[in-house]
C-alpha cells in the first residue's frame, strides 16, 4: 500500500493520524477490490477512471456495492 498511496510523501505527524489514515486506505482498497469484479480491469485502471471523472465513477461504484460485499471485503 505504500506505493499505491504514496505513503513516503505523507506528512502526518501524530501516530493516531497515521493509524486512522491507514484504516481509511484499507477501506478504500477493499472497496476498489470489490468493484474490480464488475469493472473487469486492474485496480490501477479503476483509479485512473476515478481521476478522470470522479463524481460519475464514485456514484457508479457505490451503486455496485452492497452491504454484504463490503463486510466480506473488510473482514479479509
PDB file of N, CA and C in Angstrom:
ATOM      1  N   UNK A   1       0.817  -1.185   0.000  1.00  0.00           N
ATOM      2  CA  UNK A   1       0.000   0.000   0.000  1.00  0.00           C
ATOM      3  C   UNK A   1       0.865   1.255   0.000  1.00  0.00           C
ATOM      4  N   UNK A   2       2.095   1.128   0.378  1.00  0.00           N
ATOM      5  CA  UNK A   2       2.986   2.281   0.416  1.00  0.00           C
ATOM      6  C   UNK A   2       3.113   2.907  -0.963  1.00  0.00           C
ATOM      7  N   UNK A   3       3.324   2.076  -1.970  1.00  0.00           N
ATOM      8  CA  UNK A   3       3.498   2.578  -3.325  1.00  0.00           C
ATOM      9  C   UNK A   3       2.187   3.121  -3.884  1.00  0.00           C
ATOM     10  N   UNK A   4       1.089   2.428  -3.622  1.00  0.00           N
ATOM     11  CA  UNK A   4      -0.208   2.820  -4.160  1.00  0.00           C
ATOM     12  C   UNK A   4      -0.655   4.178  -3.654  1.00  0.00           C
ATOM     13  N   UNK A   5      -0.501   4.413  -2.358  1.00  0.00           N
ATOM     14  CA  UNK A   5      -0.991   5.647  -1.764  1.00  0.00           C
ATOM     15  C   UNK A   5       0.121   6.653  -1.460  1.00  0.00           C
ATOM     16  N   UNK A   6       1.340   6.383  -1.920  1.00  0.00           N
ATOM     17  CA  UNK A   6       2.481   7.292  -1.748  1.00  0.00           C
ATOM     18  C   UNK A   6       2.693   7.674  -0.286  1.00  0.00           C
ATOM     19  N   UNK A   7       2.801   6.663   0.567  1.00  0.00           N
ATOM     20  CA  UNK A   7       2.986   6.893   1.997  1.00  0.00           C
ATOM     21  C   UNK A   7       4.284   7.619   2.318  1.00  0.00           C
ATOM     22  N   UNK A   8       5.281   7.508   1.460  1.00  0.00           N
ATOM     23  CA  UNK A   8       6.550   8.188   1.723  1.00  0.00           C
ATOM     24  C   UNK A   8       6.396   9.708   1.715  1.00  0.00           C
ATOM     25  N   UNK A   9       5.413  10.200   0.986  1.00  0.00           N
ATOM     26  CA  UNK A   9       5.184  11.643   0.906  1.00  0.00           C
ATOM     27  C   UNK A   9       4.195  12.130   1.964  1.00  0.00           C
ATOM     28  N   UNK A  10       3.690  11.227   2.778  1.00  0.00           N
ATOM     29  CA  UNK A  10       2.725  11.579   3.814  1.00  0.00           C
ATOM     30  C   UNK A  10       3.411  12.372   4.926  1.00  0.00           C
ATOM     31  N   UNK A  11       2.800  13.474   5.332  1.00  0.00           N
ATOM     32  CA  UNK A  11       3.382  14.311   6.381  1.00  0.00           C
ATOM     33  C   UNK A  11       2.583  14.263   7.677  1.00  0.00           C
ATOM     34  N   UNK A  12       1.762  13.227   7.864  1.00  0.00           N
ATOM     35  CA  UNK A  12       1.004  13.084   9.103  1.00  0.00           C
ATOM     36  C   UNK A  12       1.978  12.808  10.235  1.00  0.00           C
ATOM     37  N   UNK A  13       1.964  13.656  11.241  1.00  0.00           N
ATOM     38  CA  UNK A  13       2.942  13.559  12.321  1.00  0.00           C
ATOM     39  C   UNK A  13       2.480  12.679  13.480  1.00  0.00           C
ATOM     40  N   UNK A  14       1.224  12.812  13.873  1.00  0.00           N
ATOM     41  CA  UNK A  14       0.780  12.058  15.048  1.00  0.00           C
ATOM     42  C   UNK A  14       0.564  10.592  14.699  1.00  0.00           C
ATOM     43  N   UNK A  15       0.767   9.733  15.677  1.00  0.00           N
ATOM     44  CA  UNK A  15       0.585   8.298  15.456  1.00  0.00           C
ATOM     45  C   UNK A  15      -0.879   7.971  15.219  1.00  0.00           C
ATOM     46  N   UNK A  16      -1.773   8.671  15.921  1.00  0.00           N
ATOM     47  CA  UNK A  16      -3.199   8.428  15.718  1.00  0.00           C
ATOM     48  C   UNK A  16      -3.627   8.813  14.312  1.00  0.00           C
ATOM     49  N   UNK A  17      -3.110   9.920  13.821  1.00  0.00           N
ATOM     50  CA  UNK A  17      -3.444  10.357  12.472  1.00  0.00           C
ATOM     51  C   UNK A  17      -2.979   9.364  11.428  1.00  0.00           C
ATOM     52  N   UNK A  18      -1.784   8.867  11.584  1.00  0.00           N
ATOM     53  CA  UNK A  18      -1.249   7.885  10.638  1.00  0.00           C
ATOM     54  C   UNK A  18      -2.043   6.585  10.693  1.00  0.00           C
ATOM     55  N   UNK A  19      -2.414   6.175  11.889  1.00  0.00           N
ATOM     56  CA  UNK A  19      -3.194   4.946  12.048  1.00  0.00           C
ATOM     57  C   UNK A  19      -4.575   5.099  11.406  1.00  0.00           C
ATOM     58  N   UNK A  20      -5.214   6.232  11.645  1.00  0.00           N
ATOM     59  CA  UNK A  20      -6.528   6.486  11.053  1.00  0.00           C
ATOM     60  C   UNK A  20      -6.451   6.541   9.535  1.00  0.00           C
ATOM     61  N   UNK A  21      -5.392   7.129   9.018  1.00  0.00           N
ATOM     62  CA  UNK A  21      -5.201   7.206   7.580  1.00  0.00           C
ATOM     63  C   UNK A  21      -5.034   5.811   6.978  1.00  0.00           C
ATOM     64  N   UNK A  22      -4.314   4.937   7.651  1.00  0.00           N
ATOM     65  CA  UNK A  22      -4.151   3.559   7.185  1.00  0.00           C
ATOM     66  C   UNK A  22      -5.489   2.827   7.134  1.00  0.00           C
ATOM     67  N   UNK A  23      -6.340   3.070   8.124  1.00  0.00           N
ATOM     68  CA  UNK A  23      -7.661   2.431   8.143  1.00  0.00           C
ATOM     69  C   UNK A  23      -8.491   2.890   6.950  1.00  0.00           C
ATOM     70  N   UNK A  24      -8.473   4.187   6.682  1.00  0.00           N
ATOM     71  CA  UNK A  24      -9.223   4.728   5.545  1.00  0.00           C
ATOM     72  C   UNK A  24      -8.686   4.152   4.234  1.00  0.00           C
ATOM     73  N   UNK A  25      -7.376   4.026   4.114  1.00  0.00           N
ATOM     74  CA  UNK A  25      -6.773   3.464   2.904  1.00  0.00           C
ATOM     75  C   UNK A  25      -7.159   2.007   2.711  1.00  0.00           C
ATOM     76  N   UNK A  26      -7.197   1.245   3.802  1.00  0.00           N
ATOM     77  CA  UNK A  26      -7.589  -0.162   3.703  1.00  0.00           C
ATOM     78  C   UNK A  26      -9.035  -0.290   3.261  1.00  0.00           C
ATOM     79  N   UNK A  27      -9.899   0.582   3.778  1.00  0.00           N
ATOM     80  CA  UNK A  27     -11.303   0.563   3.371  1.00  0.00           C
ATOM     81  C   UNK A  27     -11.424   0.908   1.891  1.00  0.00           C
ATOM     82  N   UNK A  28     -10.706   1.935   1.452  1.00  0.00           N
ATOM     83  CA  UNK A  28     -10.749   2.334   0.043  1.00  0.00           C
ATOM     84  C   UNK A  28     -10.259   1.210  -0.860  1.00  0.00           C
ATOM     85  N   UNK A  29      -9.187   0.556  -0.467  1.00  0.00           N
ATOM     86  CA  UNK A  29      -8.652  -0.550  -1.256  1.00  0.00           C
ATOM     87  C   UNK A  29      -9.617  -1.732  -1.277  1.00  0.00           C
ATOM     88  N   UNK A  30     -10.276  -1.999  -0.159  1.00  0.00           N
ATOM     89  CA  UNK A  30     -11.262  -3.079  -0.104  1.00  0.00           C
ATOM     90  C   UNK A  30     -12.433  -2.786  -1.035  1.00  0.00           C
ATOM     91  N   UNK A  31     -12.871  -1.544  -1.060  1.00  0.00           N
ATOM     92  CA  UNK A  31     -13.966  -1.165  -1.957  1.00  0.00           C
ATOM     93  C   UNK A  31     -13.539  -1.322  -3.411  1.00  0.00           C
ATOM     94  N   UNK A  32     -12.337  -0.869  -3.740  1.00  0.00           N
ATOM     95  CA  UNK A  32     -11.859  -0.999  -5.119  1.00  0.00           C
ATOM     96  C   UNK A  32     -11.720  -2.459  -5.532  1.00  0.00           C
ATOM     97  N   UNK A  33     -11.238  -3.292  -4.640  1.00  0.00           N
ATOM     98  CA  UNK A  33     -11.115  -4.724  -4.960  1.00  0.00           C
ATOM     99  C   UNK A  33     -12.479  -5.370  -5.154  1.00  0.00           C
ATOM    100  N   UNK A  34     -13.469  -4.909  -4.394  1.00  0.00           N
ATOM    101  CA  UNK A  34     -14.816  -5.458  -4.520  1.00  0.00           C
ATOM    102  C   UNK A  34     -15.426  -5.106  -5.873  1.00  0.00           C
ATOM    103  N   UNK A  35     -15.283  -3.863  -6.307  1.00  0.00           N
ATOM    104  CA  UNK A  35     -15.877  -3.459  -7.584  1.00  0.00           C
ATOM    105  C   UNK A  35     -15.017  -3.865  -8.778  1.00  0.00           C
ATOM    106  N   UNK A  36     -13.824  -4.327  -8.524  1.00  0.00           N
ATOM    107  CA  UNK A  36     -12.940  -4.757  -9.614  1.00  0.00           C
ATOM    108  C   UNK A  36     -13.578  -5.890 -10.412  1.00  0.00           C
ATOM    109  N   UNK A  37     -14.350  -6.748  -9.763  1.00  0.00           N
ATOM    110  CA  UNK A  37     -15.008  -7.847 -10.474  1.00  0.00           C
ATOM    111  C   UNK A  37     -16.056  -7.332 -11.453  1.00  0.00           C
ATOM    112  N   UNK A  38     -16.665  -6.197 -11.169  1.00  0.00           N
ATOM    113  CA  UNK A  38     -17.650  -5.614 -12.078  1.00  0.00           C
ATOM    114  C   UNK A  38     -16.979  -4.875 -13.229  1.00  0.00           C
ATOM    115  N   UNK A  39     -15.906  -4.174 -12.934  1.00  0.00           N
ATOM    116  CA  UNK A  39     -15.189  -3.417 -13.957  1.00  0.00           C
ATOM    117  C   UNK A  39     -14.374  -4.319 -14.881  1.00  0.00           C
ATOM    118  N   UNK A  40     -13.863  -5.423 -14.339  1.00  0.00           N
ATOM    119  CA  UNK A  40     -13.021  -6.367 -15.082  1.00  0.00           C
ATOM    120  C   UNK A  40     -11.757  -5.702 -15.647  1.00  0.00           C
ATOM    121  N   UNK A  41     -11.173  -4.804 -14.858  1.00  0.00           N
ATOM    122  CA  UNK A  41      -9.901  -4.164 -15.199  1.00  0.00           C
ATOM    123  C   UNK A  41      -9.045  -4.110 -13.935  1.00  0.00           C
ATOM    124  N   UNK A  42      -7.819  -3.657 -14.081  1.00  0.00           N
ATOM    125  CA  UNK A  42      -6.906  -3.586 -12.938  1.00  0.00           C
ATOM    126  C   UNK A  42      -7.307  -2.468 -11.977  1.00  0.00           C
ATOM    127  N   UNK A  43      -6.778  -2.559 -10.756  1.00  0.00           N
ATOM    128  CA  UNK A  43      -7.020  -1.504  -9.769  1.00  0.00           C
ATOM    129  C   UNK A  43      -6.450  -0.174 -10.263  1.00  0.00           C
ATOM    130  N   UNK A  44      -5.333  -0.255 -10.940  1.00  0.00           N
ATOM    131  CA  UNK A  44      -4.708   0.954 -11.478  1.00  0.00           C
ATOM    132  C   UNK A  44      -5.642   1.645 -12.473  1.00  0.00           C
ATOM    133  N   UNK A  45      -6.311   0.866 -13.305  1.00  0.00           N
ATOM    134  CA  UNK A  45      -7.222   1.439 -14.294  1.00  0.00           C
ATOM    135  C   UNK A  45      -8.467   2.027 -13.622  1.00  0.00           C
ATOM    136  N   UNK A  46      -8.951   1.371 -12.579  1.00  0.00           N
ATOM    137  CA  UNK A  46     -10.101   1.909 -11.843  1.00  0.00           C
ATOM    138  C   UNK A  46      -9.729   3.243 -11.214  1.00  0.00           C
ATOM    139  N   UNK A  47      -8.547   3.309 -10.613  1.00  0.00           N
ATOM    140  CA  UNK A  47      -8.090   4.562 -10.004  1.00  0.00           C
ATOM    141  C   UNK A  47      -7.914   5.649 -11.068  1.00  0.00           C
ATOM    142  N   UNK A  48      -7.453   5.260 -12.246  1.00  0.00           N
ATOM    143  CA  UNK A  48      -7.307   6.220 -13.340  1.00  0.00           C
ATOM    144  C   UNK A  48      -8.668   6.759 -13.769  1.00  0.00           C
ATOM    145  N   UNK A  49      -9.654   5.860 -13.903  1.00  0.00           N
ATOM    146  CA  UNK A  49     -11.006   6.296 -14.267  1.00  0.00           C
ATOM    147  C   UNK A  49     -11.578   7.239 -13.214  1.00  0.00           C
ATOM    148  N   UNK A  50     -11.300   6.941 -11.952  1.00  0.00           N
ATOM    149  CA  UNK A  50     -11.751   7.824 -10.876  1.00  0.00           C
ATOM    150  C   UNK A  50     -11.112   9.206 -10.992  1.00  0.00           C
ATOM    151  N   UNK A  51      -9.859   9.250 -11.392  1.00  0.00           N
ATOM    152  CA  UNK A  51      -9.177  10.544 -11.507  1.00  0.00           C
ATOM    153  C   UNK A  51      -9.720  11.375 -12.668  1.00  0.00           C
ATOM    154  N   UNK A  52     -10.240  10.722 -13.690  1.00  0.00           N
ATOM    155  CA  UNK A  52     -10.764  11.455 -14.843  1.00  0.00           C
ATOM    156  C   UNK A  52     -12.145  12.044 -14.581  1.00  0.00           C
ATOM    157  N   UNK A  53     -13.019  11.258 -13.966  1.00  0.00           N
ATOM    158  CA  UNK A  53     -14.403  11.698 -13.758  1.00  0.00           C
ATOM    159  C   UNK A  53     -14.880  11.181 -12.407  1.00  0.00           C
ATOM    160  N   UNK A  54     -14.404  11.797 -11.353  1.00  0.00           N
ATOM    161  CA  UNK A  54     -14.621  11.294 -10.001  1.00  0.00           C
ATOM    162  C   UNK A  54     -16.094  11.176  -9.642  1.00  0.00           C
ATOM    163  N   UNK A  55     -16.880  12.212  -9.882  1.00  0.00           N
ATOM    164  CA  UNK A  55     -18.273  12.217  -9.436  1.00  0.00           C
ATOM    165  C   UNK A  55     -19.088  11.095 -10.060  1.00  0.00           C
ATOM    166  N   UNK A  56     -18.963  10.892 -11.353  1.00  0.00           N
ATOM    167  CA  UNK A  56     -19.721   9.826 -12.012  1.00  0.00           C
ATOM    168  C   UNK A  56     -19.208   8.445 -11.624  1.00  0.00           C
ATOM    169  N   UNK A  57     -17.898   8.289 -11.572  1.00  0.00           N
ATOM    170  CA  UNK A  57     -17.328   6.981 -11.242  1.00  0.00           C
ATOM    171  C   UNK A  57     -17.629   6.574  -9.803  1.00  0.00           C
ATOM    172  N   UNK A  58     -17.543   7.515  -8.868  1.00  0.00           N
ATOM    173  CA  UNK A  58     -17.797   7.158  -7.472  1.00  0.00           C
ATOM    174  C   UNK A  58     -19.267   6.811  -7.281  1.00  0.00           C
ATOM    175  N   UNK A  59     -20.162   7.485  -7.998  1.00  0.00           N
ATOM    176  CA  UNK A  59     -21.578   7.121  -7.890  1.00  0.00           C
ATOM    177  C   UNK A  59     -21.819   5.741  -8.485  1.00  0.00           C
ATOM    178  N   UNK A  60     -21.126   5.411  -9.565  1.00  0.00           N
ATOM    179  CA  UNK A  60     -21.227   4.073 -10.153  1.00  0.00           C
ATOM    180  C   UNK A  60     -20.715   3.018  -9.180  1.00  0.00           C
ATOM    181  N   UNK A  61     -19.604   3.302  -8.539  1.00  0.00           N
ATOM    182  CA  UNK A  61     -19.029   2.357  -7.582  1.00  0.00           C
ATOM    183  C   UNK A  61     -19.983   2.111  -6.425  1.00  0.00           C
ATOM    184  N   UNK A  62     -20.560   3.168  -5.881  1.00  0.00           N
ATOM    185  CA  UNK A  62     -21.475   2.994  -4.756  1.00  0.00           C
ATOM    186  C   UNK A  62     -22.765   2.294  -5.163  1.00  0.00           C
ATOM    187  N   UNK A  63     -23.171   2.430  -6.406  1.00  0.00           N
ATOM    188  CA  UNK A  63     -24.349   1.702  -6.895  1.00  0.00           C
ATOM    189  C   UNK A  63     -24.054   0.204  -6.990  1.00  0.00           C
ATOM    190  N   UNK A  64     -22.820  -0.139  -7.306  1.00  0.00           N
ATOM    191  CA  UNK A  64     -22.443  -1.544  -7.445  1.00  0.00           C
ATOM    192  C   UNK A  64     -22.303  -2.260  -6.108  1.00  0.00           C
ATOM    193  N   UNK A  65     -22.031  -1.520  -5.063  1.00  0.00           N
ATOM    194  CA  UNK A  65     -21.758  -2.123  -3.760  1.00  0.00           C
ATOM    195  C   UNK A  65     -23.029  -2.465  -3.007  1.00  0.00           C
ATOM    196  N   UNK A  66     -22.933  -3.510  -2.216  1.00  0.00           N
ATOM    197  CA  UNK A  66     -23.975  -3.789  -1.242  1.00  0.00           C
ATOM    198  C   UNK A  66     -23.300  -4.083   0.091  1.00  0.00           C
ATOM    199  N   UNK A  67     -24.073  -4.123   1.132  1.00  0.00           N
ATOM    200  CA  UNK A  67     -23.530  -4.235   2.484  1.00  0.00           C
ATOM    201  C   UNK A  67     -22.754  -5.536   2.673  1.00  0.00           C
ATOM    202  N   UNK A  68     -23.253  -6.621   2.162  1.00  0.00           N
ATOM    203  CA  UNK A  68     -22.589  -7.916   2.346  1.00  0.00           C
ATOM    204  C   UNK A  68     -21.224  -7.946   1.668  1.00  0.00           C
ATOM    205  N   UNK A  69     -21.125  -7.375   0.477  1.00  0.00           N
ATOM    206  CA  UNK A  69     -19.829  -7.323  -0.214  1.00  0.00           C
ATOM    207  C   UNK A  69     -18.813  -6.528   0.589  1.00  0.00           C
ATOM    208  N   UNK A  70     -19.255  -5.417   1.154  1.00  0.00           N
ATOM    209  CA  UNK A  70     -18.349  -4.597   1.964  1.00  0.00           C
ATOM    210  C   UNK A  70     -17.893  -5.329   3.215  1.00  0.00           C
ATOM    211  N   UNK A  71     -18.803  -6.019   3.869  1.00  0.00           N
ATOM    212  CA  UNK A  71     -18.437  -6.764   5.079  1.00  0.00           C
ATOM    213  C   UNK A  71     -17.406  -7.838   4.759  1.00  0.00           C
ATOM    214  N   UNK A  72     -17.605  -8.555   3.653  1.00  0.00           N
ATOM    215  CA  UNK A  72     -16.655  -9.590   3.246  1.00  0.00           C
ATOM    216  C   UNK A  72     -15.284  -8.988   2.948  1.00  0.00           C
ATOM    217  N   UNK A  73     -15.277  -7.885   2.228  1.00  0.00           N
ATOM    218  CA  UNK A  73     -14.012  -7.259   1.836  1.00  0.00           C
ATOM    219  C   UNK A  73     -13.246  -6.742   3.044  1.00  0.00           C
ATOM    220  N   UNK A  74     -13.944  -6.198   4.010  1.00  0.00           N
ATOM    221  CA  UNK A  74     -13.276  -5.628   5.177  1.00  0.00           C
ATOM    222  C   UNK A  74     -12.818  -6.685   6.165  1.00  0.00           C
ATOM    223  N   UNK A  75     -13.399  -7.866   6.117  1.00  0.00           N
ATOM    224  CA  UNK A  75     -13.009  -8.935   7.035  1.00  0.00           C
ATOM    225  C   UNK A  75     -11.835  -9.751   6.526  1.00  0.00           C
ATOM    226  N   UNK A  76     -11.385  -9.520   5.309  1.00  0.00           N
ATOM    227  CA  UNK A  76     -10.257 -10.283   4.749  1.00  0.00           C
ATOM    228  C   UNK A  76      -8.972  -9.884   5.384  1.00  0.00           C
TER     229      UNK A  76
END
